[in-house]
Structures are given as structure tokens and as C-alpha cells.
């Protein structure tokens, strides 16, 4: 851990390779008038909107929509199967079935899904969550869909000898709509209040005891639950595909309970004997009793981990490997043939086909081994997971 003490509150960093833009955002966080105790920056950190991805910010009395991010509730889930081996033929069948069953990218279901799959199935349109209410009907076609960017479904072989299923996805358009609406509202209100925080910091806030703050928190919490429901539905569909394929190869299969962890949210927690609003933007809860997931890139290992409850990180750890270059930069700088060869040589059924896919190539990401080494005081590794087959959004 590296500590910087030149700002209003200390900055505690679990990395050395942070780019200038992200560092400028970290310094802004450390000079917010309501920031509490210190800023914690995880080893996968890189530049985001307003606040860097891989940042943990505790605040007194306010919540910042941009410190949660546009994909509210985005996170990981993983399931351990009873299978100990899976051959290439079966793996190709499974990946093909998943592509037919789970919409990816901008695709949605053609028909609305059962509302009982949604959080709060008896949802009453009472005006308490206006953006959720506005987007609810559209969300019924989005639940159980992967989305794009760095979202993925991956089949993996664990160091425990078992085949695992891992899914990374979030709250789809309903989360983005809520995030955008409340960030714009916060900007408008901060202007009205002649707030001293520079507008170009992109850290507009809402007081948590204001009607606007309370409403955002309700909407955010719904989106967190929707993101979980989204992952669960996809996982159920993937499990069903595994069961069908196992029957064809005359094998029984069972599944352990789902592991789930979100990495874009804010919630009230007690740290250093004070209740504060902890924003985790691309950061994962790592209390001593939390089992979490830290994915690598589609060419590197992922990890099932257990938190150590390190108070200095606000009980947090990284949410992945973290980008080392932007999406457009990856397309310009990485060599398509080399990235494909890297994955082919490892025998991974991957998702890189053309230059436009290079933004999710292993070369666009930080070295997961270094990221894990830098946070040995935050987590312990329970299972290492090696990718076998990957579907990218």
C-alpha cells in the first residue's frame, strides 16, 4: 500500500501503475469537503467518469451518482458444477446453445419475461421510484440478457478440479437511465446551491436526507437487485444447457449455490465508528466473511476469494484485472493475430474475431498476477479458475 498525504485527506493506493487521468480524479476525491477518513484505490484502478474505476469513497451525509457509475449493480456470479472434465465438442455445443438462448450486446428478448423474475414482483407504481417505473416495461425484455463491453459468460476449470460457470453483467438500460437522470439532477441542484466543487470534476452530489437523495437511493437499490436478478436468470439458462448436454454424454450434473458479488453501488456502512455512505465503483466488498469473485481477462485466470476485512480499504478489494488501455487505444495498439494466437495456444474458445474485438483482448488489461499480488492484505485466494470457453457481449 502506498500512502499520499499531500491532499485534504490521505490517499491509500494498492498500485503504482495508475495513469495521469485517474490520478487527477483520485486527487479530486481527496479534496471533497464531505469525503471521510481517506480514499482507497484498488490495484485494478483506471480512469472513469468523475471517479476512477477501482475506487472506494466514503462520504458524510451525501451520495454521488457518478461515484456509483452508469451500470448500477454490475457484478459477478459464479457456480461450481460437479463436472471435473468437459471436452471441446461438448464445450462448443454449450457455447453455441448459450448464444442462441442469452441475448448479448444490444439485443433484448423479443417478448417480455415473467414479472415474477423481477425484484419486488408485486411492484406498485406509486411514484417512489420514477425512473424504474418509467423503464419497467422495457426492463421486462432486458432481464436475462448479457449486454456489451466487458460483460461475459465464461466456462472455467478450477484448481479444485471442477468445472465452473461465471457471468459478469449489470442492470442493463434501467440502471443507465437511473444513473444518467440522477447525475443530471445532482448537477442542476449543485448549480442552484452555488456548490464550491468544480463542475468539471463530475462529482455532483445529493444530500442523503433530501427527497432527491432518498429517491436516488431507492432507485439505485432496485437497480442493484435487478442486476442480480438478471445474472440469476442467465445462470439458470446456462445451467439448463449444461444439464441437457450432460444427458447427451450420459453424465449427471449438480450445481453448488450461486456466489454473487456486486461492484458498482453505494450503501451506508460503519467505519471507524461512524456511519458513512461507502461508494464502491468497480470495487468489491471484502469483509472477513465475504466470498467474492475477481475475474481476469478472457485469456487469464479468475479467482474465487475470501475477504480479510482490511479496514484501510474500507473492507474492499479489486473487481477484476482493470484496463491498462482504453477501448479505442486497444484497437490501435494491439496486434490482432498475436492476441488470437495467445488465446489459441492456450486452447481457449474465445470471442476475438476482428480488430473491433481487441478492446476485450488480454493485452488491453493489466496483469492479473500483479493485481492479485498487490492485494494480498485484502483477500485470500480460495480457487483459481482457468478459462476454457468465453462469450463476450
Protein backbone atom coordinates (compact mmCIF):
# COMPACT_ATOMS: atom_id res chain seq x y z
CA UNK A 1 0.00 0.00 0.00
CA UNK A 2 1.19 3.45 -0.96
CA UNK A 3 0.00 6.48 1.05
CA UNK A 4 -0.20 10.04 -0.30
CA UNK A 5 -0.67 12.77 2.29
CA UNK A 6 -0.50 15.96 0.21
CA UNK A 7 -4.28 16.44 -0.09
CA UNK A 8 -7.10 17.26 2.34
CA UNK A 9 -7.37 13.61 3.40
CA UNK A 10 -4.89 10.77 2.75
CA UNK A 11 -4.99 8.60 -0.37
CA UNK A 12 -4.24 4.91 0.16
CA UNK A 13 -3.32 3.06 -3.03
CA UNK A 14 -2.75 -0.62 -3.72
CA UNK A 15 -0.96 0.03 -7.04
CA UNK A 16 1.81 2.04 -8.65
CA UNK A 17 0.74 1.96 -12.31
CA UNK A 18 -2.12 4.46 -12.31
CA UNK A 19 -2.45 6.74 -15.35
CA UNK A 20 -2.42 10.53 -15.01
CA UNK A 21 -6.14 10.99 -15.70
CA UNK A 22 -7.13 8.52 -13.00
CA UNK A 23 -4.67 10.08 -10.55
CA UNK A 24 -6.19 13.50 -11.15
CA UNK A 25 -9.60 12.05 -10.31
CA UNK A 26 -8.22 10.47 -7.12
CA UNK A 27 -6.85 13.86 -6.04
CA UNK A 28 -10.28 15.42 -6.65
CA UNK A 29 -11.90 12.79 -4.42
CA UNK A 30 -9.40 13.51 -1.64
CA UNK A 31 -10.39 17.18 -1.69
CA UNK A 32 -14.16 16.77 -1.49
CA UNK A 33 -15.46 18.57 1.62
CA UNK A 34 -17.56 15.56 2.66
CA UNK A 35 -15.03 12.77 1.92
CA UNK A 36 -14.37 10.70 5.04
CA UNK A 37 -11.09 9.48 6.57
CA UNK A 38 -9.17 8.58 3.38
CA UNK A 39 -9.60 7.49 -0.25
CA UNK A 40 -8.92 3.82 -1.07
CA UNK A 41 -7.75 2.94 -4.58
CA UNK A 42 -7.70 -0.72 -5.59
CA UNK A 43 -4.94 -2.37 -7.68
CA UNK A 44 -7.08 -2.56 -10.84
CA UNK A 45 -7.86 1.15 -10.89
CA UNK A 46 -8.15 3.18 -14.09
CA UNK A 47 -9.90 6.35 -15.25
CA UNK A 48 -13.71 6.56 -15.23
CA UNK A 49 -16.32 9.33 -15.24
CA UNK A 50 -15.68 11.61 -12.28
CA UNK A 51 -14.29 8.82 -10.10
CA UNK A 52 -11.82 6.19 -11.21
CA UNK A 53 -12.91 2.58 -11.64
CA UNK A 54 -11.45 0.63 -8.73
CA UNK A 55 -12.11 3.45 -6.26
CA UNK A 56 -13.69 3.38 -2.81
CA UNK A 57 -15.06 6.63 -1.41
CA UNK A 58 -16.77 7.09 1.95
CA UNK A 59 -18.82 10.27 2.36
CA UNK A 60 -20.63 12.06 5.15
CA UNK A 61 -24.28 12.92 4.52
CA UNK A 62 -24.21 12.81 0.68
CA UNK A 63 -24.35 10.33 -2.18
CA UNK A 64 -22.69 10.85 -5.59
CA UNK A 65 -24.31 9.16 -8.62
CA UNK A 66 -21.08 9.27 -10.65
CA UNK A 67 -19.27 7.51 -7.79
CA UNK A 68 -21.61 4.56 -8.33
CA UNK A 69 -21.47 4.69 -12.11
CA UNK A 70 -23.80 4.12 -15.04
CA UNK A 71 -24.07 0.34 -14.70
CA UNK A 72 -25.61 0.28 -11.22
CA UNK A 73 -25.29 -3.11 -9.54
CA UNK A 74 -22.94 -4.54 -12.15
CA UNK A 75 -21.20 -7.57 -10.73
CA UNK A 76 -20.23 -11.19 -10.90
CA UNK A 77 -21.80 -14.53 -10.18
CA UNK A 78 -20.24 -17.98 -10.28
CA UNK A 79 -21.45 -21.56 -9.85
CA UNK A 80 -19.36 -24.67 -9.24
CA UNK A 81 -20.54 -27.75 -11.10
CA UNK A 82 -20.00 -31.41 -10.23
CA UNK A 83 -18.25 -31.95 -13.59
CA UNK A 84 -14.50 -32.46 -13.44
CA UNK A 85 -13.90 -32.55 -17.19
CA UNK A 86 -15.54 -31.19 -20.33
CA UNK A 87 -14.27 -31.96 -23.82
CA UNK A 88 -14.03 -29.47 -26.69
CA UNK A 89 -17.02 -30.95 -28.51
CA UNK A 90 -19.33 -30.59 -25.50
CA UNK A 91 -17.93 -27.14 -24.77
CA UNK A 92 -18.68 -25.96 -28.32
CA UNK A 93 -22.23 -27.31 -28.05
CA UNK A 94 -22.75 -25.49 -24.75
CA UNK A 95 -21.35 -22.18 -26.04
CA UNK A 96 -23.48 -22.43 -29.17
CA UNK A 97 -26.63 -23.07 -27.11
CA UNK A 98 -25.85 -20.15 -24.82
CA UNK A 99 -25.51 -17.82 -27.82
CA UNK A 100 -28.92 -18.99 -29.03
CA UNK A 101 -30.53 -18.57 -25.59
CA UNK A 102 -28.98 -15.48 -23.99
CA UNK A 103 -29.20 -12.17 -25.92
CA UNK A 104 -25.87 -10.33 -25.98
CA UNK A 105 -24.75 -6.82 -26.87
CA UNK A 106 -27.70 -4.52 -27.57
CA UNK A 107 -30.09 -7.44 -28.10
CA UNK A 108 -33.08 -7.96 -25.81
CA UNK A 109 -35.70 -10.70 -25.54
CA UNK A 110 -38.38 -10.43 -28.21
CA UNK A 111 -41.11 -10.90 -25.58
CA UNK A 112 -41.38 -9.67 -22.01
CA UNK A 113 -40.21 -12.11 -19.36
CA UNK A 114 -42.28 -13.17 -16.34
CA UNK A 115 -42.53 -10.22 -13.92
CA UNK A 116 -42.06 -12.68 -11.05
CA UNK A 117 -38.41 -12.80 -12.11
CA UNK A 118 -38.11 -9.08 -11.35
CA UNK A 119 -37.20 -7.68 -7.93
CA UNK A 120 -40.29 -6.82 -5.90
CA UNK A 121 -42.67 -8.76 -8.17
CA UNK A 122 -45.70 -7.07 -6.54
CA UNK A 123 -44.25 -3.71 -7.60
CA UNK A 124 -46.72 -0.87 -7.10
CA UNK A 125 -46.36 2.18 -9.33
CA UNK A 126 -46.58 4.73 -6.56
CA UNK A 127 -44.11 7.37 -7.74
CA UNK A 128 -41.45 6.32 -5.22
CA UNK A 129 -39.05 5.16 -7.98
CA UNK A 130 -39.99 7.22 -11.05
CA UNK A 131 -37.18 6.09 -13.39
CA UNK A 132 -37.65 2.42 -12.53
CA UNK A 133 -41.38 2.88 -13.11
CA UNK A 134 -40.74 4.58 -16.47
CA UNK A 135 -38.36 1.84 -17.62
CA UNK A 136 -40.12 -1.16 -16.05
CA UNK A 137 -41.84 -2.49 -19.19
CA UNK A 138 -38.62 -2.27 -21.20
CA UNK A 139 -36.72 -3.96 -18.37
CA UNK A 140 -39.01 -6.99 -18.71
CA UNK A 141 -37.34 -7.64 -22.09
CA UNK A 142 -33.85 -6.97 -20.70
CA UNK A 143 -33.78 -9.29 -17.71
CA UNK A 144 -31.68 -12.32 -18.56
CA UNK A 145 -29.55 -10.51 -21.17
CA UNK A 146 -25.79 -10.05 -21.10
CA UNK A 147 -25.14 -6.59 -22.51
CA UNK A 148 -21.89 -5.49 -24.14
CA UNK A 149 -18.48 -4.11 -23.26
CA UNK A 150 -16.62 -6.27 -20.77
CA UNK A 151 -19.63 -8.39 -19.83
CA UNK A 152 -19.13 -12.11 -20.37
CA UNK A 153 -20.20 -15.69 -19.78
CA UNK A 154 -17.24 -17.97 -19.19
CA UNK A 155 -16.77 -21.70 -18.67
CA UNK A 156 -13.72 -22.40 -16.50
CA UNK A 157 -11.66 -25.18 -14.93
CA UNK A 158 -10.98 -24.66 -11.24
CA UNK A 159 -7.89 -25.51 -9.23
CA UNK A 160 -10.31 -27.57 -7.13
CA UNK A 161 -10.71 -29.90 -10.11
CA UNK A 162 -14.23 -28.78 -11.04
CA UNK A 163 -15.83 -27.01 -13.99
CA UNK A 164 -17.25 -23.58 -13.10
CA UNK A 165 -19.67 -21.15 -14.77
CA UNK A 166 -19.05 -17.41 -14.36
CA UNK A 167 -21.17 -14.46 -15.50
CA UNK A 168 -20.39 -10.73 -15.48
CA UNK A 169 -23.30 -8.38 -16.15
CA UNK A 170 -25.26 -5.48 -14.70
CA UNK A 171 -28.54 -3.60 -14.70
CA UNK A 172 -28.75 -3.02 -18.46
CA UNK A 173 -30.59 0.10 -19.63
CA UNK A 174 -32.69 0.57 -16.49
CA UNK A 175 -29.51 1.18 -14.47
CA UNK A 176 -28.05 3.56 -17.03
CA UNK A 177 -31.27 5.58 -17.22
CA UNK A 178 -31.37 5.96 -13.43
CA UNK A 179 -27.68 6.87 -13.27
CA UNK A 180 -27.91 9.49 -16.01
CA UNK A 181 -31.10 11.06 -14.64
CA UNK A 182 -29.81 11.50 -11.09
CA UNK A 183 -26.38 12.69 -12.12
CA UNK A 184 -28.02 15.39 -14.25
CA UNK A 185 -30.35 16.25 -11.37
CA UNK A 186 -27.40 16.49 -8.98
CA UNK A 187 -25.55 18.80 -11.42
CA UNK A 188 -28.62 21.03 -11.67
CA UNK A 189 -29.09 21.21 -7.90
CA UNK A 190 -25.38 21.80 -7.24
CA UNK A 191 -25.53 24.76 -9.65
CA UNK A 192 -28.59 26.08 -7.83
CA UNK A 193 -26.78 25.80 -4.48
CA UNK A 194 -23.63 27.51 -5.88
CA UNK A 195 -21.64 24.47 -4.85
CA UNK A 196 -17.90 25.06 -4.43
CA UNK A 197 -16.97 21.71 -6.05
CA UNK A 198 -15.78 22.41 -9.62
CA UNK A 199 -18.28 21.21 -12.20
CA UNK A 200 -15.55 19.64 -14.33
CA UNK A 201 -14.79 17.19 -11.52
CA UNK A 202 -18.06 15.43 -12.49
CA UNK A 203 -18.81 14.64 -8.84
CA UNK A 204 -22.19 16.29 -8.33
CA UNK A 205 -23.87 15.07 -5.12
CA UNK A 206 -27.27 14.67 -3.49
CA UNK A 207 -27.79 15.05 0.29
CA UNK A 208 -28.97 11.68 1.57
CA UNK A 209 -31.70 13.28 3.72
CA UNK A 210 -33.14 15.23 0.75
CA UNK A 211 -36.08 13.89 -1.26
CA UNK A 212 -33.83 13.68 -4.30
CA UNK A 213 -31.19 11.75 -2.38
CA UNK A 214 -33.72 9.36 -0.86
CA UNK A 215 -35.32 8.71 -4.24
CA UNK A 216 -31.96 8.03 -5.91
CA UNK A 217 -31.07 5.55 -3.17
CA UNK A 218 -34.38 3.72 -3.68
CA UNK A 219 -33.84 3.61 -7.43
CA UNK A 220 -30.19 2.56 -7.07
CA UNK A 221 -31.11 -0.27 -4.70
CA UNK A 222 -33.75 -1.52 -7.12
CA UNK A 223 -31.21 -1.50 -9.95
CA UNK A 224 -28.75 -3.46 -7.78
CA UNK A 225 -31.46 -6.07 -7.21
CA UNK A 226 -32.38 -6.06 -10.91
CA UNK A 227 -28.74 -6.68 -11.86
CA UNK A 228 -28.67 -9.69 -9.54
CA UNK A 229 -31.97 -11.00 -10.96
CA UNK A 230 -30.50 -10.52 -14.45
CA UNK A 231 -27.44 -12.61 -13.61
CA UNK A 232 -29.53 -15.28 -11.88
CA UNK A 233 -31.80 -15.75 -14.88
CA UNK A 234 -28.84 -16.10 -17.23
CA UNK A 235 -27.22 -18.55 -14.84
CA UNK A 236 -30.39 -20.67 -14.71
CA UNK A 237 -30.44 -20.81 -18.51
CA UNK A 238 -26.78 -21.79 -18.68
CA UNK A 239 -27.30 -24.48 -16.03
CA UNK A 240 -30.19 -25.89 -18.06
CA UNK A 241 -27.95 -26.04 -21.14
CA UNK A 242 -25.32 -27.89 -19.10
CA UNK A 243 -27.94 -30.37 -17.90
CA UNK A 244 -29.13 -31.05 -21.47
CA UNK A 245 -25.56 -31.53 -22.70
CA UNK A 246 -24.69 -33.78 -19.74
CA UNK A 247 -27.66 -36.00 -20.60
CA UNK A 248 -26.38 -36.34 -24.16
CA UNK A 249 -22.97 -37.50 -22.94
CA UNK A 250 -24.57 -39.78 -20.33
CA UNK A 251 -23.41 -37.83 -17.29
CA UNK A 252 -25.24 -36.48 -14.26
CA UNK A 253 -24.53 -32.94 -13.13
CA UNK A 254 -25.25 -30.99 -9.96
CA UNK A 255 -24.60 -27.35 -9.07
CA UNK A 256 -23.47 -25.67 -5.86
CA UNK A 257 -25.24 -22.48 -4.64
CA UNK A 258 -24.55 -19.32 -6.60
CA UNK A 259 -21.82 -16.93 -5.46
CA UNK A 260 -22.77 -13.31 -6.19
CA UNK A 261 -20.93 -10.04 -5.67
CA UNK A 262 -21.72 -6.54 -6.97
CA UNK A 263 -19.09 -3.92 -7.68
CA UNK A 264 -20.99 -0.70 -8.57
CA UNK A 265 -23.12 0.61 -5.68
CA UNK A 266 -23.23 2.73 -2.56
CA UNK A 267 -24.53 1.81 0.88
CA UNK A 268 -24.45 3.00 4.45
CA UNK A 269 -21.76 1.24 6.50
CA UNK A 270 -19.99 1.81 9.80
CA UNK A 271 -16.28 2.54 9.50
CA UNK A 272 -14.02 3.98 12.16
CA UNK A 273 -17.07 4.22 14.46
CA UNK A 274 -19.02 6.44 12.06
CA UNK A 275 -21.90 5.68 9.70
CA UNK A 276 -20.83 6.77 6.22
CA UNK A 277 -22.02 6.22 2.65
CA UNK A 278 -19.47 3.92 1.04
CA UNK A 279 -19.30 4.15 -2.75
CA UNK A 280 -17.69 1.18 -4.49
CA UNK A 281 -17.15 1.90 -8.18
CA UNK A 282 -15.50 -1.12 -9.71
CA UNK A 283 -14.59 -2.39 -6.25
CA UNK A 284 -15.77 -5.43 -4.33
CA UNK A 285 -16.81 -5.97 -0.73
CA UNK A 286 -14.12 -7.91 1.14
CA UNK A 287 -15.21 -8.24 4.76
CA UNK A 288 -13.80 -11.20 6.66
CA UNK A 289 -16.95 -13.24 5.97
CA UNK A 290 -17.42 -12.34 2.27
CA UNK A 291 -16.72 -14.80 -0.54
CA UNK A 292 -16.16 -12.82 -3.71
CA UNK A 293 -15.10 -13.08 -7.35
CA UNK A 294 -12.20 -11.35 -9.12
CA UNK A 295 -12.17 -12.04 -12.87
CA UNK A 296 -9.17 -11.70 -15.14
CA UNK A 297 -9.36 -11.17 -18.91
CA UNK A 298 -10.61 -13.84 -21.31
CA UNK A 299 -7.08 -15.17 -21.59
CA UNK A 300 -6.10 -15.21 -17.92
CA UNK A 301 -7.20 -16.72 -14.63
CA UNK A 302 -10.08 -15.56 -12.47
CA UNK A 303 -10.39 -16.10 -8.73
CA UNK A 304 -12.87 -17.05 -6.05
CA UNK A 305 -11.63 -15.18 -2.99
CA UNK A 306 -12.42 -14.56 0.65
CA UNK A 307 -12.06 -11.10 2.17
CA UNK A 308 -9.72 -10.32 5.06
CA UNK A 309 -11.71 -7.36 6.38
CA UNK A 310 -8.95 -4.78 5.96
CA UNK A 311 -10.27 -1.54 7.47
CA UNK A 312 -7.85 0.62 5.47
CA UNK A 313 -9.54 -0.43 2.21
CA UNK A 314 -13.00 0.08 3.76
CA UNK A 315 -13.27 -3.74 3.59
CA UNK A 316 -12.85 -3.71 -0.19
CA UNK A 317 -10.75 -5.28 -2.93
CA UNK A 318 -10.43 -5.09 -6.72
CA UNK A 319 -13.27 -6.08 -9.05
CA UNK A 320 -11.04 -7.51 -11.78
CA UNK A 321 -7.75 -7.04 -13.58
CA UNK A 322 -8.51 -3.48 -14.69
CA UNK A 323 -7.84 -1.91 -18.07
CA UNK A 324 -4.36 -0.73 -18.99
CA UNK A 325 -5.51 0.93 -22.21
CA UNK A 326 -8.75 2.45 -23.44
CA UNK A 327 -11.02 0.66 -25.91
CA UNK A 328 -10.05 2.76 -28.95
CA UNK A 329 -6.40 2.65 -27.91
CA UNK A 330 -6.51 -1.16 -27.79
CA UNK A 331 -7.77 -1.29 -31.37
CA UNK A 332 -4.88 0.91 -32.49
CA UNK A 333 -2.08 -0.63 -30.46
CA UNK A 334 -2.76 -4.35 -30.21
CA UNK A 335 -1.95 -6.88 -32.92
CA UNK A 336 -4.99 -8.98 -33.85
CA UNK A 337 -3.03 -12.06 -34.96
CA UNK A 338 -0.89 -12.02 -31.81
CA UNK A 339 -3.88 -11.72 -29.49
CA UNK A 340 -5.72 -14.55 -31.27
CA UNK A 341 -2.60 -16.75 -31.22
CA UNK A 342 -2.17 -16.14 -27.48
CA UNK A 343 -5.66 -17.48 -26.83
CA UNK A 344 -5.50 -20.27 -29.41
CA UNK A 345 -2.21 -21.54 -27.95
CA UNK A 346 -3.92 -21.84 -24.56
CA UNK A 347 -6.76 -23.83 -26.14
CA UNK A 348 -9.38 -21.24 -25.14
CA UNK A 349 -12.58 -20.95 -27.19
CA UNK A 350 -12.58 -17.16 -27.23
CA UNK A 351 -14.50 -14.19 -28.60
CA UNK A 352 -11.85 -12.32 -30.63
CA UNK A 353 -12.63 -12.35 -34.35
CA UNK A 354 -11.68 -8.91 -35.70
CA UNK A 355 -9.99 -5.62 -34.82
CA UNK A 356 -13.18 -4.33 -33.20
CA UNK A 357 -12.87 -7.11 -30.59
CA UNK A 358 -9.40 -6.03 -29.47
CA UNK A 359 -10.87 -3.78 -26.77
CA UNK A 360 -11.52 -7.00 -24.83
CA UNK A 361 -8.27 -8.78 -25.73
CA UNK A 362 -5.99 -9.88 -22.86
CA UNK A 363 -3.44 -7.27 -23.94
CA UNK A 364 -5.89 -4.47 -23.10
CA UNK A 365 -5.88 -5.48 -19.43
CA UNK A 366 -3.44 -5.28 -16.55
CA UNK A 367 -1.50 -8.34 -15.42
CA UNK A 368 -3.92 -10.15 -13.09
CA UNK A 369 -0.99 -11.79 -11.26
CA UNK A 370 0.34 -8.37 -10.24
CA UNK A 371 -3.17 -7.18 -9.30
CA UNK A 372 -3.63 -10.19 -7.03
CA UNK A 373 -0.15 -9.81 -5.54
CA UNK A 374 -0.85 -6.15 -4.71
CA UNK A 375 -3.91 -7.05 -2.64
CA UNK A 376 -2.66 -9.97 -0.60
CA UNK A 377 -3.55 -7.98 2.53
CA UNK A 378 -7.16 -7.60 1.30
CA UNK A 379 -8.13 -11.12 0.21
CA UNK A 380 -7.09 -14.76 0.24
CA UNK A 381 -7.50 -16.93 -2.85
CA UNK A 382 -9.85 -19.90 -2.48
CA UNK A 383 -9.98 -21.19 -6.07
CA UNK A 384 -8.08 -20.30 -9.24
CA UNK A 385 -10.17 -20.54 -12.41
CA UNK A 386 -8.69 -21.05 -15.88
CA UNK A 387 -10.83 -20.07 -18.90
CA UNK A 388 -11.96 -22.80 -21.29
CA UNK A 389 -14.64 -21.01 -23.33
CA UNK A 390 -15.81 -17.39 -23.42
CA UNK A 391 -18.84 -15.50 -24.73
CA UNK A 392 -18.41 -11.72 -24.81
CA UNK A 393 -21.12 -9.12 -25.11
